[in-house]
Amino acid sequence: MGLPAKRRTKQSKRERAAHFSLAKTSTVACSHCGRRIRSHIVCPTCGYYRGRQVLKIPGRVERRAAKRKKSETEKKDDAKE
């Protein structure tokens, strides 16, 4: 069985673990909506990347209305059965 020949000191452990730290992510302002996003990533709020719209993202109000409408139709279908 593999066992450590000598105990690793606290200092040695800290020096070894110094490389495990996480790097800060760099953020930039979205050119369309101004929200802070990670660089080189499509904005999840508006769907723009480098000044062009690459994703069609429906608004929050539209999503809620669609969800509400879907649940109402499901309830009507269940009531008919």
PDB file of N, CA and C in Angstrom:
ATOM      1  N   MET A   1       0.838  -1.190   0.000  1.00  0.00           N
ATOM      2  CA  MET A   1       0.000   0.000   0.000  1.00  0.00           C
ATOM      3  C   MET A   1       0.876   1.243   0.000  1.00  0.00           C
ATOM      4  N   GLY A   2       0.452   2.232  -0.768  1.00  0.00           N
ATOM      5  CA  GLY A   2       1.218   3.461  -0.825  1.00  0.00           C
ATOM      6  C   GLY A   2       0.897   4.364   0.347  1.00  0.00           C
ATOM      7  N   LEU A   3       1.876   4.653   1.151  1.00  0.00           N
ATOM      8  CA  LEU A   3       1.706   5.561   2.280  1.00  0.00           C
ATOM      9  C   LEU A   3       2.746   6.665   2.171  1.00  0.00           C
ATOM     10  N   PRO A   4       2.402   7.867   2.651  1.00  0.00           N
ATOM     11  CA  PRO A   4       3.393   8.946   2.596  1.00  0.00           C
ATOM     12  C   PRO A   4       4.572   8.639   3.513  1.00  0.00           C
ATOM     13  N   ALA A   5       5.767   8.818   2.991  1.00  0.00           N
ATOM     14  CA  ALA A   5       6.963   8.530   3.775  1.00  0.00           C
ATOM     15  C   ALA A   5       7.123   9.539   4.898  1.00  0.00           C
ATOM     16  N   LYS A   6       6.773  10.796   4.625  1.00  0.00           N
ATOM     17  CA  LYS A   6       6.879  11.832   5.647  1.00  0.00           C
ATOM     18  C   LYS A   6       5.633  12.680   5.609  1.00  0.00           C
ATOM     19  N   ARG A   7       5.307  13.226   6.749  1.00  0.00           N
ATOM     20  CA  ARG A   7       4.126  14.079   6.850  1.00  0.00           C
ATOM     21  C   ARG A   7       4.362  15.378   6.076  1.00  0.00           C
ATOM     22  N   ARG A   8       3.350  15.826   5.351  1.00  0.00           N
ATOM     23  CA  ARG A   8       3.450  17.091   4.614  1.00  0.00           C
ATOM     24  C   ARG A   8       3.187  18.231   5.592  1.00  0.00           C
ATOM     25  N   THR A   9       4.096  19.175   5.671  1.00  0.00           N
ATOM     26  CA  THR A   9       3.962  20.275   6.628  1.00  0.00           C
ATOM     27  C   THR A   9       2.860  21.237   6.190  1.00  0.00           C
ATOM     28  N   LYS A  10       2.408  22.061   7.121  1.00  0.00           N
ATOM     29  CA  LYS A  10       1.361  23.044   6.822  1.00  0.00           C
ATOM     30  C   LYS A  10       1.824  24.016   5.743  1.00  0.00           C
ATOM     31  N   GLN A  11       3.075  24.460   5.847  1.00  0.00           N
ATOM     32  CA  GLN A  11       3.596  25.401   4.859  1.00  0.00           C
ATOM     33  C   GLN A  11       3.647  24.755   3.477  1.00  0.00           C
ATOM     34  N   SER A  12       4.109  23.532   3.419  1.00  0.00           N
ATOM     35  CA  SER A  12       4.194  22.834   2.145  1.00  0.00           C
ATOM     36  C   SER A  12       2.803  22.647   1.542  1.00  0.00           C
ATOM     37  N   LYS A  13       1.842  22.347   2.403  1.00  0.00           N
ATOM     38  CA  LYS A  13       0.466  22.169   1.943  1.00  0.00           C
ATOM     39  C   LYS A  13      -0.093  23.472   1.374  1.00  0.00           C
ATOM     40  N   ARG A  14       0.173  24.591   2.059  1.00  0.00           N
ATOM     41  CA  ARG A  14      -0.312  25.895   1.588  1.00  0.00           C
ATOM     42  C   ARG A  14       0.362  26.291   0.279  1.00  0.00           C
ATOM     43  N   GLU A  15       1.653  26.036   0.166  1.00  0.00           N
ATOM     44  CA  GLU A  15       2.367  26.365  -1.064  1.00  0.00           C
ATOM     45  C   GLU A  15       1.829  25.548  -2.241  1.00  0.00           C
ATOM     46  N   ARG A  16       1.508  24.296  -1.994  1.00  0.00           N
ATOM     47  CA  ARG A  16       0.970  23.444  -3.043  1.00  0.00           C
ATOM     48  C   ARG A  16      -0.422  23.910  -3.442  1.00  0.00           C
ATOM     49  N   ALA A  17      -1.220  24.329  -2.467  1.00  0.00           N
ATOM     50  CA  ALA A  17      -2.597  24.732  -2.723  1.00  0.00           C
ATOM     51  C   ALA A  17      -2.708  26.148  -3.278  1.00  0.00           C
ATOM     52  N   ALA A  18      -1.608  26.875  -3.361  1.00  0.00           N
ATOM     53  CA  ALA A  18      -1.659  28.255  -3.841  1.00  0.00           C
ATOM     54  C   ALA A  18      -2.101  28.325  -5.297  1.00  0.00           C
ATOM     55  N   HIS A  19      -1.918  27.260  -6.045  1.00  0.00           N
ATOM     56  CA  HIS A  19      -2.277  27.252  -7.462  1.00  0.00           C
ATOM     57  C   HIS A  19      -3.735  26.879  -7.698  1.00  0.00           C
ATOM     58  N   PHE A  20      -4.472  26.541  -6.653  1.00  0.00           N
ATOM     59  CA  PHE A  20      -5.851  26.091  -6.810  1.00  0.00           C
ATOM     60  C   PHE A  20      -6.854  27.234  -6.837  1.00  0.00           C
ATOM     61  N   SER A  21      -6.394  28.464  -6.693  1.00  0.00           N
ATOM     62  CA  SER A  21      -7.332  29.582  -6.615  1.00  0.00           C
ATOM     63  C   SER A  21      -8.028  29.791  -7.952  1.00  0.00           C
ATOM     64  N   LEU A  22      -9.245  30.316  -7.895  1.00  0.00           N
ATOM     65  CA  LEU A  22     -10.020  30.590  -9.097  1.00  0.00           C
ATOM     66  C   LEU A  22      -9.685  31.973  -9.627  1.00  0.00           C
ATOM     67  N   ALA A  23      -9.666  32.095 -10.924  1.00  0.00           N
ATOM     68  CA  ALA A  23      -9.391  33.387 -11.550  1.00  0.00           C
ATOM     69  C   ALA A  23     -10.694  34.164 -11.687  1.00  0.00           C
ATOM     70  N   LYS A  24     -10.625  35.489 -11.565  1.00  0.00           N
ATOM     71  CA  LYS A  24     -11.810  36.315 -11.741  1.00  0.00           C
ATOM     72  C   LYS A  24     -12.230  36.293 -13.203  1.00  0.00           C
ATOM     73  N   THR A  25     -13.545  36.256 -13.423  1.00  0.00           N
ATOM     74  CA  THR A  25     -14.038  36.313 -14.793  1.00  0.00           C
ATOM     75  C   THR A  25     -14.164  37.770 -15.200  1.00  0.00           C
ATOM     76  N   SER A  26     -13.768  38.056 -16.418  1.00  0.00           N
ATOM     77  CA  SER A  26     -13.848  39.436 -16.885  1.00  0.00           C
ATOM     78  C   SER A  26     -15.227  39.672 -17.484  1.00  0.00           C
ATOM     79  N   THR A  27     -15.843  40.796 -17.130  1.00  0.00           N
ATOM     80  CA  THR A  27     -17.155  41.132 -17.661  1.00  0.00           C
ATOM     81  C   THR A  27     -17.071  42.450 -18.413  1.00  0.00           C
ATOM     82  N   VAL A  28     -17.944  42.570 -19.397  1.00  0.00           N
ATOM     83  CA  VAL A  28     -18.049  43.794 -20.187  1.00  0.00           C
ATOM     84  C   VAL A  28     -19.515  44.176 -20.259  1.00  0.00           C
ATOM     85  N   ALA A  29     -19.786  45.420 -20.621  1.00  0.00           N
ATOM     86  CA  ALA A  29     -21.169  45.866 -20.774  1.00  0.00           C
ATOM     87  C   ALA A  29     -21.674  45.448 -22.148  1.00  0.00           C
ATOM     88  N   CYS A  30     -22.903  44.947 -22.193  1.00  0.00           N
ATOM     89  CA  CYS A  30     -23.530  44.577 -23.464  1.00  0.00           C
ATOM     90  C   CYS A  30     -23.696  45.839 -24.309  1.00  0.00           C
ATOM     91  N   SER A  31     -23.363  45.734 -25.594  1.00  0.00           N
ATOM     92  CA  SER A  31     -23.435  46.909 -26.467  1.00  0.00           C
ATOM     93  C   SER A  31     -24.869  47.329 -26.754  1.00  0.00           C
ATOM     94  N   HIS A  32     -25.823  46.429 -26.546  1.00  0.00           N
ATOM     95  CA  HIS A  32     -27.220  46.740 -26.865  1.00  0.00           C
ATOM     96  C   HIS A  32     -28.008  47.159 -25.631  1.00  0.00           C
ATOM     97  N   CYS A  33     -27.950  46.350 -24.558  1.00  0.00           N
ATOM     98  CA  CYS A  33     -28.786  46.649 -23.386  1.00  0.00           C
ATOM     99  C   CYS A  33     -27.990  47.202 -22.206  1.00  0.00           C
ATOM    100  N   GLY A  34     -26.664  47.077 -22.215  1.00  0.00           N
ATOM    101  CA  GLY A  34     -25.849  47.638 -21.150  1.00  0.00           C
ATOM    102  C   GLY A  34     -25.649  46.736 -19.951  1.00  0.00           C
ATOM    103  N   ARG A  35     -26.236  45.547 -19.952  1.00  0.00           N
ATOM    104  CA  ARG A  35     -26.085  44.627 -18.830  1.00  0.00           C
ATOM    105  C   ARG A  35     -24.675  44.038 -18.827  1.00  0.00           C
ATOM    106  N   ARG A  36     -24.140  43.754 -17.635  1.00  0.00           N
ATOM    107  CA  ARG A  36     -22.806  43.181 -17.520  1.00  0.00           C
ATOM    108  C   ARG A  36     -22.866  41.703 -17.899  1.00  0.00           C
ATOM    109  N   ILE A  37     -22.024  41.307 -18.868  1.00  0.00           N
ATOM    110  CA  ILE A  37     -21.973  39.927 -19.330  1.00  0.00           C
ATOM    111  C   ILE A  37     -20.520  39.506 -19.456  1.00  0.00           C
ATOM    112  N   ARG A  38     -20.279  38.196 -19.537  1.00  0.00           N
ATOM    113  CA  ARG A  38     -18.932  37.701 -19.788  1.00  0.00           C
ATOM    114  C   ARG A  38     -18.544  38.033 -21.214  1.00  0.00           C
ATOM    115  N   SER A  39     -17.285  38.325 -21.435  1.00  0.00           N
ATOM    116  CA  SER A  39     -16.847  38.696 -22.778  1.00  0.00           C
ATOM    117  C   SER A  39     -16.885  37.475 -23.700  1.00  0.00           C
ATOM    118  N   HIS A  40     -17.122  37.719 -24.989  1.00  0.00           N
ATOM    119  CA  HIS A  40     -17.188  36.700 -26.040  1.00  0.00           C
ATOM    120  C   HIS A  40     -18.373  35.757 -25.863  1.00  0.00           C
ATOM    121  N   ILE A  41     -19.424  36.204 -25.177  1.00  0.00           N
ATOM    122  CA  ILE A  41     -20.616  35.392 -24.934  1.00  0.00           C
ATOM    123  C   ILE A  41     -21.836  36.190 -25.379  1.00  0.00           C
ATOM    124  N   VAL A  42     -22.841  35.503 -25.926  1.00  0.00           N
ATOM    125  CA  VAL A  42     -24.090  36.160 -26.316  1.00  0.00           C
ATOM    126  C   VAL A  42     -24.797  36.644 -25.058  1.00  0.00           C
ATOM    127  N   CYS A  43     -25.356  37.852 -25.111  1.00  0.00           N
ATOM    128  CA  CYS A  43     -26.070  38.413 -23.967  1.00  0.00           C
ATOM    129  C   CYS A  43     -27.337  37.593 -23.718  1.00  0.00           C
ATOM    130  N   PRO A  44     -27.522  37.029 -22.515  1.00  0.00           N
ATOM    131  CA  PRO A  44     -28.722  36.228 -22.252  1.00  0.00           C
ATOM    132  C   PRO A  44     -29.987  37.068 -22.128  1.00  0.00           C
ATOM    133  N   THR A  45     -29.854  38.372 -21.941  1.00  0.00           N
ATOM    134  CA  THR A  45     -31.018  39.236 -21.777  1.00  0.00           C
ATOM    135  C   THR A  45     -31.610  39.640 -23.118  1.00  0.00           C
ATOM    136  N   CYS A  46     -30.761  40.123 -24.029  1.00  0.00           N
ATOM    137  CA  CYS A  46     -31.284  40.649 -25.297  1.00  0.00           C
ATOM    138  C   CYS A  46     -30.933  39.783 -26.502  1.00  0.00           C
ATOM    139  N   GLY A  47     -29.965  38.867 -26.381  1.00  0.00           N
ATOM    140  CA  GLY A  47     -29.619  37.982 -27.485  1.00  0.00           C
ATOM    141  C   GLY A  47     -28.675  38.594 -28.503  1.00  0.00           C
ATOM    142  N   TYR A  48     -28.004  39.698 -28.158  1.00  0.00           N
ATOM    143  CA  TYR A  48     -27.090  40.358 -29.091  1.00  0.00           C
ATOM    144  C   TYR A  48     -25.658  39.915 -28.834  1.00  0.00           C
ATOM    145  N   TYR A  49     -24.869  39.845 -29.909  1.00  0.00           N
ATOM    146  CA  TYR A  49     -23.444  39.556 -29.824  1.00  0.00           C
ATOM    147  C   TYR A  49     -22.732  40.396 -30.869  1.00  0.00           C
ATOM    148  N   ARG A  50     -21.809  41.211 -30.438  1.00  0.00           N
ATOM    149  CA  ARG A  50     -21.037  42.111 -31.304  1.00  0.00           C
ATOM    150  C   ARG A  50     -21.935  42.998 -32.155  1.00  0.00           C
ATOM    151  N   GLY A  51     -23.001  43.504 -31.558  1.00  0.00           N
ATOM    152  CA  GLY A  51     -23.864  44.455 -32.235  1.00  0.00           C
ATOM    153  C   GLY A  51     -24.915  43.847 -33.137  1.00  0.00           C
ATOM    154  N   ARG A  52     -24.961  42.520 -33.235  1.00  0.00           N
ATOM    155  CA  ARG A  52     -25.967  41.859 -34.072  1.00  0.00           C
ATOM    156  C   ARG A  52     -26.823  40.945 -33.216  1.00  0.00           C
ATOM    157  N   GLN A  53     -28.096  40.814 -33.568  1.00  0.00           N
ATOM    158  CA  GLN A  53     -28.972  39.912 -32.830  1.00  0.00           C
ATOM    159  C   GLN A  53     -28.778  38.506 -33.380  1.00  0.00           C
ATOM    160  N   VAL A  54     -28.351  37.593 -32.511  1.00  0.00           N
ATOM    161  CA  VAL A  54     -28.110  36.218 -32.924  1.00  0.00           C
ATOM    162  C   VAL A  54     -29.100  35.253 -32.287  1.00  0.00           C
ATOM    163  N   LEU A  55     -29.800  35.679 -31.240  1.00  0.00           N
ATOM    164  CA  LEU A  55     -30.834  34.872 -30.596  1.00  0.00           C
ATOM    165  C   LEU A  55     -32.109  35.681 -30.490  1.00  0.00           C
ATOM    166  N   LYS A  56     -33.225  35.023 -30.736  1.00  0.00           N
ATOM    167  CA  LYS A  56     -34.506  35.687 -30.524  1.00  0.00           C
ATOM    168  C   LYS A  56     -34.966  35.322 -29.118  1.00  0.00           C
ATOM    169  N   ILE A  57     -34.973  36.303 -28.242  1.00  0.00           N
ATOM    170  CA  ILE A  57     -35.352  36.065 -26.854  1.00  0.00           C
ATOM    171  C   ILE A  57     -36.642  36.821 -26.585  1.00  0.00           C
ATOM    172  N   PRO A  58     -37.744  36.097 -26.341  1.00  0.00           N
ATOM    173  CA  PRO A  58     -38.999  36.794 -26.049  1.00  0.00           C
ATOM    174  C   PRO A  58     -38.914  37.503 -24.705  1.00  0.00           C
ATOM    175  N   GLY A  59     -39.665  38.579 -24.582  1.00  0.00           N
ATOM    176  CA  GLY A  59     -39.652  39.347 -23.346  1.00  0.00           C
ATOM    177  C   GLY A  59     -40.276  38.589 -22.195  1.00  0.00           C
ATOM    178  N   ARG A  60     -40.015  39.040 -21.005  1.00  0.00           N
ATOM    179  CA  ARG A  60     -40.513  38.380 -19.807  1.00  0.00           C
ATOM    180  C   ARG A  60     -42.039  38.363 -19.786  1.00  0.00           C
ATOM    181  N   VAL A  61     -42.660  39.474 -20.180  1.00  0.00           N
ATOM    182  CA  VAL A  61     -44.119  39.556 -20.184  1.00  0.00           C
ATOM    183  C   VAL A  61     -44.696  38.575 -21.194  1.00  0.00           C
ATOM    184  N   GLU A  62     -44.077  38.500 -22.364  1.00  0.00           N
ATOM    185  CA  GLU A  62     -44.556  37.583 -23.389  1.00  0.00           C
ATOM    186  C   GLU A  62     -44.415  36.131 -22.945  1.00  0.00           C
ATOM    187  N   ARG A  63     -43.324  35.806 -22.270  1.00  0.00           N
ATOM    188  CA  ARG A  63     -43.133  34.437 -21.782  1.00  0.00           C
ATOM    189  C   ARG A  63     -44.193  34.079 -20.760  1.00  0.00           C
ATOM    190  N   ARG A  64     -44.473  35.001 -19.829  1.00  0.00           N
ATOM    191  CA  ARG A  64     -45.484  34.725 -18.815  1.00  0.00           C
ATOM    192  C   ARG A  64     -46.857  34.542 -19.443  1.00  0.00           C
ATOM    193  N   ALA A  65     -47.178  35.374 -20.434  1.00  0.00           N
ATOM    194  CA  ALA A  65     -48.474  35.265 -21.104  1.00  0.00           C
ATOM    195  C   ALA A  65     -48.576  33.926 -21.835  1.00  0.00           C
ATOM    196  N   ALA A  66     -47.515  33.525 -22.500  1.00  0.00           N
ATOM    197  CA  ALA A  66     -47.519  32.251 -23.216  1.00  0.00           C
ATOM    198  C   ALA A  66     -47.658  31.085 -22.243  1.00  0.00           C
ATOM    199  N   LYS A  67     -46.974  31.167 -21.116  1.00  0.00           N
ATOM    200  CA  LYS A  67     -47.049  30.110 -20.115  1.00  0.00           C
ATOM    201  C   LYS A  67     -48.455  30.028 -19.535  1.00  0.00           C
ATOM    202  N   ARG A  68     -49.043  31.186 -19.250  1.00  0.00           N
ATOM    203  CA  ARG A  68     -50.398  31.233 -18.706  1.00  0.00           C
ATOM    204  C   ARG A  68     -51.397  30.659 -19.709  1.00  0.00           C
ATOM    205  N   LYS A  69     -51.233  31.024 -20.971  1.00  0.00           N
ATOM    206  CA  LYS A  69     -52.137  30.543 -22.010  1.00  0.00           C
ATOM    207  C   LYS A  69     -52.017  29.027 -22.167  1.00  0.00           C
ATOM    208  N   LYS A  70     -50.805  28.518 -22.096  1.00  0.00           N
ATOM    209  CA  LYS A  70     -50.584  27.083 -22.219  1.00  0.00           C
ATOM    210  C   LYS A  70     -51.240  26.331 -21.069  1.00  0.00           C
ATOM    211  N   SER A  71     -51.098  26.842 -19.849  1.00  0.00           N
ATOM    212  CA  SER A  71     -51.694  26.167 -18.698  1.00  0.00           C
ATOM    213  C   SER A  71     -53.220  26.209 -18.764  1.00  0.00           C
ATOM    214  N   GLU A  72     -53.785  27.312 -19.277  1.00  0.00           N
ATOM    215  CA  GLU A  72     -55.241  27.405 -19.406  1.00  0.00           C
ATOM    216  C   GLU A  72     -55.761  26.403 -20.429  1.00  0.00           C
ATOM    217  N   THR A  73     -55.057  26.240 -21.545  1.00  0.00           N
ATOM    218  CA  THR A  73     -55.504  25.275 -22.556  1.00  0.00           C
ATOM    219  C   THR A  73     -55.393  23.850 -22.031  1.00  0.00           C
ATOM    220  N   GLU A  74     -54.367  23.566 -21.235  1.00  0.00           N
ATOM    221  CA  GLU A  74     -54.234  22.234 -20.650  1.00  0.00           C
ATOM    222  C   GLU A  74     -55.362  21.964 -19.670  1.00  0.00           C
ATOM    223  N   LYS A  75     -55.745  22.968 -18.889  1.00  0.00           N
ATOM    224  CA  LYS A  75     -56.847  22.797 -17.945  1.00  0.00           C
ATOM    225  C   LYS A  75     -58.156  22.551 -18.683  1.00  0.00           C
ATOM    226  N   LYS A  76     -58.366  23.265 -19.794  1.00  0.00           N
ATOM    227  CA  LYS A  76     -59.586  23.075 -20.587  1.00  0.00           C
ATOM    228  C   LYS A  76     -59.614  21.675 -21.191  1.00  0.00           C
ATOM    229  N   ASP A  77     -58.468  21.208 -21.674  1.00  0.00           N
ATOM    230  CA  ASP A  77     -58.397  19.869 -22.254  1.00  0.00           C
ATOM    231  C   ASP A  77     -58.674  18.804 -21.199  1.00  0.00           C
ATOM    232  N   ASP A  78     -58.169  19.008 -19.986  1.00  0.00           N
ATOM    233  CA  ASP A  78     -58.409  18.060 -18.900  1.00  0.00           C
ATOM    234  C   ASP A  78     -59.878  18.065 -18.488  1.00  0.00           C
ATOM    235  N   ALA A  79     -60.521  19.223 -18.523  1.00  0.00           N
ATOM    236  CA  ALA A  79     -61.921  19.335 -18.132  1.00  0.00           C
ATOM    237  C   ALA A  79     -62.827  18.656 -19.155  1.00  0.00           C
ATOM    238  N   LYS A  80     -62.449  18.674 -20.426  1.00  0.00           N
ATOM    239  CA  LYS A  80     -63.257  18.050 -21.473  1.00  0.00           C
ATOM    240  C   LYS A  80     -63.255  16.538 -21.349  1.00  0.00           C
ATOM    241  N   GLU A  81     -62.184  15.969 -20.870  1.00  0.00           N
ATOM    242  CA  GLU A  81     -62.057  14.506 -20.779  1.00  0.00           C
ATOM    243  C   GLU A  81     -62.842  13.917 -19.670  1.00  0.00           C
TER     244      GLU A  81
END
